[in-house]
C-alpha atoms as a PDB file:
ATOM      1  CA  MET A   1     -13.100 -18.624  24.436  1.00  0.00           C
ATOM      2  CA  GLU A   2     -13.761 -15.162  23.024  1.00  0.00           C
ATOM      3  CA  GLN A   3     -15.307 -15.115  19.558  1.00  0.00           C
ATOM      4  CA  THR A   4     -13.822 -12.736  16.979  1.00  0.00           C
ATOM      5  CA  VAL A   5     -16.516 -10.659  15.286  1.00  0.00           C
ATOM      6  CA  LEU A   6     -15.728  -9.590  11.744  1.00  0.00           C
ATOM      7  CA  ARG A   7     -17.140  -6.361  10.387  1.00  0.00           C
ATOM      8  CA  ASN A   8     -16.255  -7.775   6.994  1.00  0.00           C
ATOM      9  CA  SER A   9     -18.614 -10.723   6.593  1.00  0.00           C
ATOM     10  CA  PHE A  10     -17.852 -10.872   2.860  1.00  0.00           C
ATOM     11  CA  TYR A  11     -16.233  -9.000  -0.007  1.00  0.00           C
ATOM     12  CA  ILE A  12     -17.002  -9.176  -3.709  1.00  0.00           C
ATOM     13  CA  GLN A  13     -14.972  -9.539  -6.879  1.00  0.00           C
ATOM     14  CA  ILE A  14     -15.707  -8.333 -10.406  1.00  0.00           C
ATOM     15  CA  SER A  15     -13.771  -8.304 -13.669  1.00  0.00           C
ATOM     16  CA  VAL A  16     -12.178  -5.042 -14.784  1.00  0.00           C
ATOM     17  CA  THR A  17     -12.782  -4.218 -18.441  1.00  0.00           C
ATOM     18  CA  ASP A  18     -10.147  -3.204 -20.978  1.00  0.00           C
ATOM     19  CA  GLU A  19     -12.068   0.029 -21.520  1.00  0.00           C
ATOM     20  CA  GLN A  20     -11.870   0.904 -17.828  1.00  0.00           C
ATOM     21  CA  LYS A  21      -8.112   0.311 -17.817  1.00  0.00           C
ATOM     22  CA  GLN A  22      -7.583   2.357 -20.962  1.00  0.00           C
ATOM     23  CA  TYR A  23      -9.616   5.245 -19.554  1.00  0.00           C
ATOM     24  CA  ALA A  24      -7.520   5.155 -16.369  1.00  0.00           C
ATOM     25  CA  ARG A  25      -4.285   5.217 -18.389  1.00  0.00           C
ATOM     26  CA  GLN A  26      -5.446   8.244 -20.359  1.00  0.00           C
ATOM     27  CA  LEU A  27      -6.246  10.191 -17.197  1.00  0.00           C
ATOM     28  CA  VAL A  28      -2.932   9.263 -15.592  1.00  0.00           C
ATOM     29  CA  GLU A  29      -0.815  10.205 -18.615  1.00  0.00           C
ATOM     30  CA  TYR A  30      -2.533  13.582 -18.842  1.00  0.00           C
ATOM     31  CA  SER A  31      -2.019  14.100 -15.118  1.00  0.00           C
ATOM     32  CA  LEU A  32       1.689  13.279 -15.243  1.00  0.00           C
ATOM     33  CA  LYS A  33       2.192  15.789 -18.067  1.00  0.00           C
ATOM     34  CA  ASN A  34       0.054  18.591 -16.670  1.00  0.00           C
ATOM     35  CA  HIS A  35      -0.237  18.222 -12.888  1.00  0.00           C
ATOM     36  CA  GLN A  36       3.276  18.541 -11.541  1.00  0.00           C
ATOM     37  CA  VAL A  37       2.387  18.199  -7.885  1.00  0.00           C
ATOM     38  CA  ALA A  38       4.675  16.854  -5.196  1.00  0.00           C
ATOM     39  CA  ASN A  39       4.398  13.345  -3.830  1.00  0.00           C
ATOM     40  CA  ILE A  40       5.419  12.315  -0.317  1.00  0.00           C
ATOM     41  CA  TRP A  41       8.106   9.969  -1.706  1.00  0.00           C
ATOM     42  CA  ASP A  42       9.791  12.449  -4.080  1.00  0.00           C
ATOM     43  CA  HIS A  43      12.885  12.627  -1.867  1.00  0.00           C
ATOM     44  CA  HIS A  44      13.201   8.822  -1.916  1.00  0.00           C
ATOM     45  CA  ASN A  45      14.833   7.991  -5.242  1.00  0.00           C
ATOM     46  CA  ASP A  46      13.917   4.311  -5.062  1.00  0.00           C
ATOM     47  CA  ARG A  47      10.208   5.179  -5.129  1.00  0.00           C
ATOM     48  CA  LEU A  48      10.105   7.683  -7.984  1.00  0.00           C
ATOM     49  CA  PRO A  49       9.269   5.031 -10.625  1.00  0.00           C
ATOM     50  CA  GLN A  50       6.173   4.087  -8.611  1.00  0.00           C
ATOM     51  CA  THR A  51       4.394   7.371  -9.324  1.00  0.00           C
ATOM     52  CA  ARG A  52       2.761   6.227 -12.568  1.00  0.00           C
ATOM     53  CA  MET A  53       1.587   2.891 -11.153  1.00  0.00           C
ATOM     54  CA  LEU A  54       0.286   4.413  -7.929  1.00  0.00           C
ATOM     55  CA  ARG A  55      -1.726   7.007  -9.819  1.00  0.00           C
ATOM     56  CA  TYR A  56      -3.017   4.356 -12.207  1.00  0.00           C
ATOM     57  CA  THR A  57      -4.133   2.045  -9.399  1.00  0.00           C
ATOM     58  CA  GLY A  58      -5.890   4.858  -7.568  1.00  0.00           C
ATOM     59  CA  THR A  59      -7.603   6.155 -10.688  1.00  0.00           C
ATOM     60  CA  LEU A  60      -8.719   2.688 -11.777  1.00  0.00           C
ATOM     61  CA  GLY A  61     -10.268   2.162  -8.345  1.00  0.00           C
ATOM     62  CA  GLU A  62     -12.291   5.354  -8.714  1.00  0.00           C
ATOM     63  CA  ILE A  63     -13.475   4.332 -12.180  1.00  0.00           C
ATOM     64  CA  VAL A  64     -14.549   0.856 -11.046  1.00  0.00           C
ATOM     65  CA  PHE A  65     -16.375   2.277  -8.011  1.00  0.00           C
ATOM     66  CA  ALA A  66     -18.144   4.898 -10.140  1.00  0.00           C
ATOM     67  CA  ASP A  67     -19.293   2.368 -12.726  1.00  0.00           C
ATOM     68  CA  LEU A  68     -20.579  -0.115 -10.160  1.00  0.00           C
ATOM     69  CA  TYR A  69     -22.517   2.438  -8.117  1.00  0.00           C
ATOM     70  CA  HIS A  70     -23.851   4.512 -11.043  1.00  0.00           C
ATOM     71  CA  LEU A  71     -21.763   7.587 -10.204  1.00  0.00           C
ATOM     72  CA  PRO A  72     -19.963  10.031 -12.543  1.00  0.00           C
ATOM     73  CA  ARG A  73     -16.502   8.846 -13.523  1.00  0.00           C
ATOM     74  CA  PRO A  74     -13.511  10.953 -12.476  1.00  0.00           C
ATOM     75  CA  LEU A  75     -12.398  13.469 -15.075  1.00  0.00           C
ATOM     76  CA  LYS A  76      -8.893  13.909 -13.670  1.00  0.00           C
ATOM     77  CA  SER A  77      -6.204  11.817 -11.999  1.00  0.00           C
ATOM     78  CA  PHE A  78      -3.947  13.255  -9.333  1.00  0.00           C
ATOM     79  CA  GLY A  79      -2.604  10.874  -6.698  1.00  0.00           C
ATOM     80  CA  ALA A  80      -0.632  13.611  -4.962  1.00  0.00           C
ATOM     81  CA  VAL A  81      -0.058  14.101  -1.280  1.00  0.00           C
ATOM     82  CA  ASP A  82      -1.969  17.379  -0.982  1.00  0.00           C
ATOM     83  CA  GLY A  83      -5.235  15.865  -2.194  1.00  0.00           C
ATOM     84  CA  GLN A  84      -6.757  18.350  -4.610  1.00  0.00           C
ATOM     85  CA  ASP A  85     -10.235  16.903  -4.093  1.00  0.00           C
ATOM     86  CA  TRP A  86      -9.920  17.269  -0.295  1.00  0.00           C
ATOM     87  CA  GLY A  87     -10.503  13.557   0.165  1.00  0.00           C
ATOM     88  CA  GLN A  88     -13.885  13.545  -1.545  1.00  0.00           C
ATOM     89  CA  ASP A  89     -13.734  11.291  -4.579  1.00  0.00           C
ATOM     90  CA  PHE A  90     -17.504  10.805  -4.458  1.00  0.00           C
ATOM     91  CA  LEU A  91     -20.443  12.421  -2.672  1.00  0.00           C
ATOM     92  CA  ILE A  92     -23.210   9.895  -2.068  1.00  0.00           C
ATOM     93  CA  LYS A  93     -26.593  10.980  -0.740  1.00  0.00           C
ATOM     94  CA  SER A  94     -29.334   8.772   0.652  1.00  0.00           C
ATOM     95  CA  GLU A  95     -32.622   9.601   2.307  1.00  0.00           C
ATOM     96  CA  ASN A  96     -31.009   9.817   5.728  1.00  0.00           C
ATOM     97  CA  ASP A  97     -27.273  10.384   5.225  1.00  0.00           C
ATOM     98  CA  THR A  98     -24.602  11.943   3.065  1.00  0.00           C
ATOM     99  CA  PHE A  99     -21.293  10.165   2.583  1.00  0.00           C
ATOM    100  CA  SER A 100     -18.095  11.800   1.352  1.00  0.00           C
ATOM    101  CA  VAL A 101     -16.083   8.837   0.098  1.00  0.00           C
ATOM    102  CA  ASP A 102     -12.345   8.617  -0.546  1.00  0.00           C
ATOM    103  CA  ILE A 103     -11.387   5.527  -2.577  1.00  0.00           C
ATOM    104  CA  LYS A 104      -8.324   3.622  -1.374  1.00  0.00           C
ATOM    105  CA  SER A 105      -6.952   1.222  -3.981  1.00  0.00           C
ATOM    106  CA  MET A 106      -4.020  -1.159  -3.858  1.00  0.00           C
ATOM    107  CA  LYS A 107      -2.419  -3.957  -5.881  1.00  0.00           C
ATOM    108  CA  ARG A 108      -1.962  -7.447  -4.465  1.00  0.00           C
ATOM    109  CA  ARG A 109      -0.594 -10.662  -5.858  1.00  0.00           C
ATOM    110  CA  SER A 110      -3.791 -12.573  -5.208  1.00  0.00           C
ATOM    111  CA  GLY A 111      -7.499 -12.080  -4.645  1.00  0.00           C
ATOM    112  CA  ASN A 112      -7.460 -14.546  -1.760  1.00  0.00           C
ATOM    113  CA  LEU A 113      -7.519 -12.075   1.099  1.00  0.00           C
ATOM    114  CA  ALA A 114      -6.987 -12.809   4.781  1.00  0.00           C
ATOM    115  CA  ALA A 115      -8.560 -11.147   7.800  1.00  0.00           C
ATOM    116  CA  ASP A 116      -5.162  -9.922   9.013  1.00  0.00           C
ATOM    117  CA  PHE A 117      -4.156  -8.300   5.706  1.00  0.00           C
ATOM    118  CA  VAL A 118      -3.971  -4.529   6.060  1.00  0.00           C
ATOM    119  CA  LEU A 119      -4.764  -1.223   4.401  1.00  0.00           C
ATOM    120  CA  ASN A 120      -2.469   1.728   5.161  1.00  0.00           C
ATOM    121  CA  ILE A 121      -3.694   5.341   5.278  1.00  0.00           C
ATOM    122  CA  PRO A 122      -1.252   8.222   5.909  1.00  0.00           C
ATOM    123  CA  ALA A 123      -2.108  10.049   9.123  1.00  0.00           C
ATOM    124  CA  HIS A 124      -1.849  13.461   7.483  1.00  0.00           C
ATOM    125  CA  GLN A 125      -4.904  12.636   5.381  1.00  0.00           C
ATOM    126  CA  LEU A 126      -7.054  12.260   8.478  1.00  0.00           C
ATOM    127  CA  ARG A 127      -5.643  15.369  10.121  1.00  0.00           C
ATOM    128  CA  LYS A 128      -5.710  17.606   7.057  1.00  0.00           C
ATOM    129  CA  THR A 129      -7.485  20.913   7.594  1.00  0.00           C
ATOM    130  CA  GLY A 130     -10.454  21.122   5.252  1.00  0.00           C
ATOM    131  CA  SER A 131     -10.686  17.393   4.614  1.00  0.00           C
ATOM    132  CA  LYS A 132     -14.176  16.398   3.455  1.00  0.00           C
ATOM    133  CA  THR A 133     -13.792  12.642   3.914  1.00  0.00           C
ATOM    134  CA  SER A 134     -16.399  10.869   6.021  1.00  0.00           C
ATOM    135  CA  HIS A 135     -15.718   7.323   4.777  1.00  0.00           C
ATOM    136  CA  TYR A 136     -13.035   5.373   2.967  1.00  0.00           C
ATOM    137  CA  PHE A 137     -13.745   2.579   0.487  1.00  0.00           C
ATOM    138  CA  CYS A 138     -11.121  -0.119  -0.039  1.00  0.00           C
ATOM    139  CA  ILE A 139     -10.493  -1.846  -3.385  1.00  0.00           C
ATOM    140  CA  SER A 140      -7.785  -4.416  -4.100  1.00  0.00           C
ATOM    141  CA  PHE A 141      -6.619  -5.359  -7.626  1.00  0.00           C
ATOM    142  CA  HIS A 142      -4.864  -8.524  -8.721  1.00  0.00           C
ATOM    143  CA  GLN A 143      -4.021 -10.142 -12.030  1.00  0.00           C
ATOM    144  CA  SER A 144      -5.495 -13.520 -12.940  1.00  0.00           C
ATOM    145  CA  GLU A 145      -3.813 -15.641 -15.608  1.00  0.00           C
ATOM    146  CA  THR A 146      -7.191 -16.743 -16.961  1.00  0.00           C
ATOM    147  CA  GLN A 147      -9.523 -13.824 -16.142  1.00  0.00           C
ATOM    148  CA  GLY A 148      -7.360 -10.728 -16.489  1.00  0.00           C
ATOM    149  CA  THR A 149      -7.586  -7.897 -13.972  1.00  0.00           C
ATOM    150  CA  ILE A 150      -9.887  -8.575 -11.018  1.00  0.00           C
ATOM    151  CA  ALA A 151     -11.126  -5.984  -8.522  1.00  0.00           C
ATOM    152  CA  SER A 152     -11.918  -7.039  -4.960  1.00  0.00           C
ATOM    153  CA  LEU A 153     -14.348  -4.594  -3.363  1.00  0.00           C
ATOM    154  CA  ILE A 154     -13.603  -4.987   0.322  1.00  0.00           C
ATOM    155  CA  GLY A 155     -15.859  -2.274   1.720  1.00  0.00           C
ATOM    156  CA  PHE A 156     -16.250   0.887   3.773  1.00  0.00           C
ATOM    157  CA  MET A 157     -14.492   2.408   6.778  1.00  0.00           C
ATOM    158  CA  ASP A 158     -15.837   5.232   8.907  1.00  0.00           C
ATOM    159  CA  LYS A 159     -13.156   7.915   9.198  1.00  0.00           C
ATOM    160  CA  GLN A 160     -14.348   8.801  12.694  1.00  0.00           C
ATOM    161  CA  ALA A 161     -13.802   5.203  13.803  1.00  0.00           C
ATOM    162  CA  LEU A 162     -10.159   5.601  12.785  1.00  0.00           C
ATOM    163  CA  GLU A 163      -9.808   8.931  14.555  1.00  0.00           C
ATOM    164  CA  THR A 164     -11.242   7.579  17.813  1.00  0.00           C
ATOM    165  CA  GLY A 165      -9.188   4.386  17.737  1.00  0.00           C
ATOM    166  CA  GLU A 166     -12.196   2.099  17.326  1.00  0.00           C
ATOM    167  CA  ILE A 167     -10.400   0.507  14.384  1.00  0.00           C
ATOM    168  CA  GLY A 168      -6.830   0.702  13.113  1.00  0.00           C
ATOM    169  CA  GLN A 169      -3.464   1.300  14.718  1.00  0.00           C
ATOM    170  CA  LEU A 170      -1.165   4.292  14.275  1.00  0.00           C
ATOM    171  CA  TYR A 171       2.500   3.659  13.441  1.00  0.00           C
ATOM    172  CA  LYS A 172       5.062   6.448  13.609  1.00  0.00           C
ATOM    173  CA  ALA A 173       7.401   7.328  10.742  1.00  0.00           C
ATOM    174  CA  GLY A 174      10.488   5.118  10.745  1.00  0.00           C
ATOM    175  CA  THR A 175       8.707   2.077  12.124  1.00  0.00           C
ATOM    176  CA  LYS A 176       9.702  -1.165  10.391  1.00  0.00           C
ATOM    177  CA  ARG A 177       6.881  -3.602   9.649  1.00  0.00           C
ATOM    178  CA  ILE A 178       6.829  -7.211   8.442  1.00  0.00           C
ATOM    179  CA  ARG A 179       4.320  -8.032   5.705  1.00  0.00           C
ATOM    180  CA  HIS A 180       2.189 -11.161   5.627  1.00  0.00           C
ATOM    181  CA  ASP A 181       4.633 -12.697   3.119  1.00  0.00           C
ATOM    182  CA  GLN A 182       7.529 -11.978   5.542  1.00  0.00           C
ATOM    183  CA  THR A 183       8.991  -9.133   3.431  1.00  0.00           C
ATOM    184  CA  SER A 184       9.531  -5.866   5.301  1.00  0.00           C
ATOM    185  CA  PHE A 185       9.101  -2.139   4.760  1.00  0.00           C
ATOM    186  CA  THR A 186       9.551   1.097   6.702  1.00  0.00           C
ATOM    187  CA  PHE A 187       6.872   3.754   7.107  1.00  0.00           C
ATOM    188  CA  TYR A 188       7.995   7.055   5.566  1.00  0.00           C
ATOM    189  CA  GLU A 189       5.377   8.963   7.568  1.00  0.00           C
ATOM    190  CA  ASP A 190       2.914   8.449  10.419  1.00  0.00           C
ATOM    191  CA  THR A 191       0.444   5.880   9.098  1.00  0.00           C
ATOM    192  CA  TYR A 192      -2.758   4.172  10.212  1.00  0.00           C
ATOM    193  CA  GLU A 193      -2.846   0.433   9.597  1.00  0.00           C
ATOM    194  CA  ILE A 194      -6.313  -1.135   9.325  1.00  0.00           C
ATOM    195  CA  LEU A 195      -7.005  -4.866   9.294  1.00  0.00           C
ATOM    196  CA  LEU A 196      -9.271  -5.983   6.454  1.00  0.00           C
ATOM    197  CA  LYS A 197     -11.520  -7.736   8.980  1.00  0.00           C
ATOM    198  CA  ASP A 198     -12.366  -4.313  10.438  1.00  0.00           C
ATOM    199  CA  ILE A 199     -13.658  -2.936   7.125  1.00  0.00           C
ATOM    200  CA  ASP A 200     -17.439  -3.074   6.688  1.00  0.00           C
ATOM    201  CA  SER A 201     -18.618  -5.210   3.763  1.00  0.00           C
ATOM    202  CA  PRO A 202     -19.704  -3.366   0.603  1.00  0.00           C
ATOM    203  CA  VAL A 203     -23.284  -2.568  -0.354  1.00  0.00           C
ATOM    204  CA  VAL A 204     -24.350  -4.954  -3.128  1.00  0.00           C
ATOM    205  CA  THR A 205     -26.968  -3.946  -5.691  1.00  0.00           C
ATOM    206  CA  ASP A 206     -28.632  -5.817  -8.548  1.00  0.00           C
ATOM    207  CA  HIS A 207     -26.414  -3.877 -10.939  1.00  0.00           C
ATOM    208  CA  ILE A 208     -23.287  -5.122  -9.143  1.00  0.00           C
ATOM    209  CA  ARG A 209     -24.584  -8.693  -9.108  1.00  0.00           C
ATOM    210  CA  SER A 210     -24.922  -8.495 -12.893  1.00  0.00           C
ATOM    211  CA  ALA A 211     -21.327  -7.292 -13.393  1.00  0.00           C
ATOM    212  CA  ALA A 212     -18.944  -9.560 -15.306  1.00  0.00           C
ATOM    213  CA  GLY A 213     -17.042 -11.929 -13.040  1.00  0.00           C
ATOM    214  CA  TYR A 214     -19.200 -11.146  -9.996  1.00  0.00           C
ATOM    215  CA  ARG A 215     -18.706 -13.441  -7.061  1.00  0.00           C
ATOM    216  CA  VAL A 216     -18.910 -13.293  -3.278  1.00  0.00           C
ATOM    217  CA  CYS A 217     -15.710 -14.037  -1.333  1.00  0.00           C
ATOM    218  CA  TYR A 218     -14.789 -14.388   2.343  1.00  0.00           C
ATOM    219  CA  LEU A 219     -11.678 -13.396   4.245  1.00  0.00           C
ATOM    220  CA  THR A 220      -9.597 -16.328   5.386  1.00  0.00           C
ATOM    221  CA  ALA A 221      -8.423 -16.656   8.977  1.00  0.00           C
END
């Protein structure tokens, strides 16, 4: 019997502070008033109300990542399809490598994540001329009745691994998909779907271990 090898041997959870959420809201409200850029769903009336929440989730993910890895916080919030930062939310340099990281954040109902849960990335982001992204970092948020907002740091993906087909699967616009909870949706554009088990576990530092609510979690089968 073939053994399934998980890239994601663990993920971690931390508590999100009220200050982090308030900072994210401030950036988003300023962005909505001053950055009137088009979103891919603007011609779908049923998705227009999602703009504020999508920008908030994405901005909060950047703030949490910055605070945990001692990086400068974002000063602006966009969340638009043209990607004003060219897919480089953070530039991380080590002795041997430089990583241009694009944070991918989402909301889920629970922090109990399964290996076959997915992250979706629009294909145009990978193909965009001038894109600086070398890696993606995946963060999932959920609301706990007793602990407030919890961030699950799932980990990194190499953009090149997506482009070469080593991980992920490309679905064409118009394809109907069934979620894990049996609800369905239709892709509005060509989209890469990546299983959480194919995302490399995050780097954990002493600073992260000391964060409020820190705990190590494992994807369920």
